[in-house]
Amino acid sequence: MIILGIDPGLATIGYGVIEAKGIQQKVIDYGVISTPPKIAMPQRLKMIYESTGALYDRFQPDVVALEELFFNTNITTGIAVAHARGTILTALAMRTDALYEYTPLQVKQSVVGYGRAEKHQVQLMVRSLLNLKETPRPDDAADALAVALCYVNSGNMERAFKIR
């Protein structure tokens, strides 16, 4: 099974593609989609839409796992990221119904075993679980791999996390 994990953002969208066979997982690819901040919002969203669609078309994943948005204090940034996440969902929904979402707490719990884990703990566990020589960079890519692992680790509970 091929899983595409997505860490939504506006300036940087992390992606991670893993293959899961039984209890074994291996990395196929990871990286980021970037949009320049000086470009107008509609053009940035268009870039995200096209790049997300191209990612899906390239890897043809069986499922896509996305991290839900978490608003801390900056509502302006949150709204911009929500636009980007909606664009990502639209590009993916045009291609598949196999869309799943997880909260940051669920991702950390699944990968580290502790829902309040620090970012570096998640990165170390991603590196360890996927048997990588180095920690995936940038952080957004490591986060996307963690989201993909969260799908794998959610076992037979996928109905609970399916986007409806």
Protein backbone atom coordinates (compact mmCIF):
# COMPACT_ATOMS: atom_id res chain seq x y z
CA MET A 1 0.00 0.00 0.00
CA ILE A 2 1.27 3.48 -0.92
CA ILE A 3 0.46 6.31 1.50
CA LEU A 4 0.91 10.00 0.73
CA GLY A 5 1.23 12.10 3.88
CA ILE A 6 0.64 15.85 3.68
CA ASP A 7 1.56 18.58 6.18
CA PRO A 8 -0.50 21.55 4.89
CA GLY A 9 0.84 25.07 4.73
CA LEU A 10 0.88 28.11 2.48
CA ALA A 11 4.57 28.88 2.08
CA THR A 12 5.68 25.27 2.61
CA ILE A 13 3.66 22.09 2.21
CA GLY A 14 5.41 18.96 3.38
CA TYR A 15 4.84 15.65 1.65
CA GLY A 16 6.01 12.15 2.40
CA VAL A 17 5.33 8.97 0.45
CA ILE A 18 5.78 5.60 2.10
CA GLU A 19 5.06 2.03 1.12
CA ALA A 20 3.62 -0.23 3.81
CA LYS A 21 3.79 -4.00 3.50
CA GLY A 22 2.55 -5.66 6.66
CA ILE A 23 4.60 -4.27 9.52
CA GLN A 24 7.34 -2.99 7.20
CA GLN A 25 7.39 0.58 5.90
CA LYS A 26 9.84 2.19 3.55
CA VAL A 27 10.21 5.70 2.22
CA ILE A 28 9.57 6.24 -1.45
CA ASP A 29 10.05 10.03 -1.45
CA TYR A 30 9.63 13.15 0.64
CA GLY A 31 10.05 16.88 0.24
CA VAL A 32 8.14 20.13 0.10
CA ILE A 33 6.04 22.22 -2.21
CA SER A 34 7.02 25.88 -1.78
CA THR A 35 5.24 29.06 -2.80
CA PRO A 36 7.01 32.43 -2.88
CA PRO A 37 5.57 34.95 -0.41
CA LYS A 38 5.72 37.84 -2.89
CA ILE A 39 3.26 36.18 -5.26
CA ALA A 40 -0.45 37.03 -4.91
CA MET A 41 -2.61 34.56 -2.96
CA PRO A 42 -4.59 33.28 -5.99
CA GLN A 43 -1.37 32.40 -7.82
CA ARG A 44 0.04 30.68 -4.72
CA LEU A 45 -3.13 28.63 -4.38
CA LYS A 46 -2.96 27.73 -8.06
CA MET A 47 0.64 26.55 -7.59
CA ILE A 48 -0.44 24.45 -4.60
CA TYR A 49 -3.37 22.96 -6.52
CA GLU A 50 -1.25 22.02 -9.52
CA SER A 51 1.67 20.72 -7.46
CA THR A 52 -0.56 18.63 -5.19
CA GLY A 53 -2.30 17.12 -8.20
CA ALA A 54 1.05 16.37 -9.83
CA LEU A 55 2.24 14.66 -6.63
CA TYR A 56 -0.83 12.46 -6.55
CA ASP A 57 -0.52 11.65 -10.25
CA ARG A 58 3.17 10.81 -9.88
CA PHE A 59 2.85 8.39 -6.95
CA GLN A 60 -0.74 7.13 -7.38
CA PRO A 61 -1.15 6.49 -3.63
CA ASP A 62 -3.77 4.13 -2.27
CA VAL A 63 -4.60 6.65 0.47
CA VAL A 64 -3.78 10.21 1.43
CA ALA A 65 -3.35 11.26 5.06
CA LEU A 66 -3.44 14.96 5.99
CA GLU A 67 -2.77 16.78 9.21
CA GLU A 68 -5.67 18.85 10.48
CA LEU A 69 -5.12 22.53 11.10
CA PHE A 70 -4.16 23.69 14.54
CA PHE A 71 -4.76 27.35 15.38
CA ASN A 72 -2.54 28.65 18.13
CA THR A 73 -2.64 32.44 18.39
CA ASN A 74 -2.19 33.93 14.92
CA ILE A 75 -5.61 33.79 13.25
CA THR A 76 -4.36 35.62 10.13
CA THR A 77 -1.80 32.92 9.43
CA GLY A 78 -4.41 30.29 10.24
CA ILE A 79 -6.81 31.63 7.65
CA ALA A 80 -4.12 31.64 4.94
CA VAL A 81 -3.17 28.06 5.81
CA ALA A 82 -6.87 27.11 5.75
CA HIS A 83 -7.08 28.46 2.19
CA ALA A 84 -4.09 26.32 1.25
CA ARG A 85 -5.49 23.23 2.98
CA GLY A 86 -8.79 23.68 1.14
CA THR A 87 -6.89 23.91 -2.12
CA ILE A 88 -4.93 20.75 -1.28
CA LEU A 89 -8.14 18.90 -0.40
CA THR A 90 -9.80 20.02 -3.62
CA ALA A 91 -6.88 18.83 -5.76
CA LEU A 92 -6.91 15.47 -3.99
CA ALA A 93 -10.70 15.07 -3.92
CA MET A 94 -10.69 15.45 -7.71
CA ARG A 95 -8.59 12.25 -7.77
CA THR A 96 -9.63 10.07 -4.83
CA ASP A 97 -12.07 9.54 -1.98
CA ALA A 98 -9.42 7.84 0.16
CA LEU A 99 -8.66 10.94 2.25
CA TYR A 100 -7.91 10.73 5.98
CA GLU A 101 -7.08 13.41 8.52
CA TYR A 102 -5.40 13.39 11.90
CA THR A 103 -4.86 16.04 14.54
CA PRO A 104 -1.29 16.98 15.49
CA LEU A 105 -1.91 15.29 18.85
CA GLN A 106 -2.96 12.03 17.13
CA VAL A 107 0.11 12.10 14.88
CA LYS A 108 2.47 12.59 17.83
CA GLN A 109 0.71 9.91 19.87
CA SER A 110 0.92 7.48 16.99
CA VAL A 111 4.58 8.08 16.12
CA VAL A 112 6.14 8.89 19.50
CA GLY A 113 3.64 7.39 21.93
CA TYR A 114 3.05 10.76 23.57
CA GLY A 115 0.61 13.33 22.21
CA ARG A 116 2.55 16.30 23.58
CA ALA A 117 5.89 15.22 22.12
CA GLU A 118 8.31 17.89 20.93
CA LYS A 119 9.03 18.37 17.24
CA HIS A 120 12.54 16.90 17.50
CA GLN A 121 11.14 13.76 19.18
CA VAL A 122 8.77 13.23 16.26
CA GLN A 123 11.61 13.71 13.79
CA LEU A 124 13.83 11.20 15.61
CA MET A 125 11.05 8.62 15.66
CA VAL A 126 10.30 9.15 11.96
CA ARG A 127 13.98 8.57 11.24
CA SER A 128 14.03 5.45 13.42
CA LEU A 129 10.73 3.93 12.27
CA LEU A 130 11.58 4.42 8.61
CA ASN A 131 15.19 3.28 9.08
CA LEU A 132 16.64 6.48 7.59
CA LYS A 133 20.29 7.47 7.86
CA GLU A 134 19.41 11.12 8.47
CA THR A 135 16.46 13.05 9.82
CA PRO A 136 14.28 14.19 6.92
CA ARG A 137 14.62 17.90 6.15
CA PRO A 138 12.97 20.32 6.10
CA ASP A 139 10.77 19.79 9.17
CA ASP A 140 7.62 19.91 7.04
CA ALA A 141 8.74 16.81 5.13
CA ALA A 142 9.43 14.93 8.38
CA ASP A 143 5.98 15.98 9.62
CA ALA A 144 4.36 14.68 6.43
CA LEU A 145 6.12 11.32 6.85
CA ALA A 146 4.81 11.25 10.44
CA VAL A 147 1.27 11.80 9.14
CA ALA A 148 1.68 8.89 6.70
CA LEU A 149 2.97 6.71 9.55
CA CYS A 150 -0.04 7.75 11.63
CA TYR A 151 -2.32 6.30 8.95
CA VAL A 152 -0.36 3.03 9.02
CA ASN A 153 -0.45 2.93 12.82
CA SER A 154 -4.18 3.64 13.00
CA GLY A 155 -4.74 0.04 11.89
CA ASN A 156 -8.32 -0.96 11.28
CA MET A 157 -9.68 2.36 12.58
CA GLU A 158 -9.48 4.10 9.21
CA ARG A 159 -13.25 4.71 9.12
CA ALA A 160 -12.89 6.96 12.16
CA PHE A 161 -10.46 9.24 10.33
CA LYS A 162 -11.92 9.24 6.80
CA ILE A 163 -12.86 12.69 5.60
CA ARG A 164 -16.58 12.79 4.88
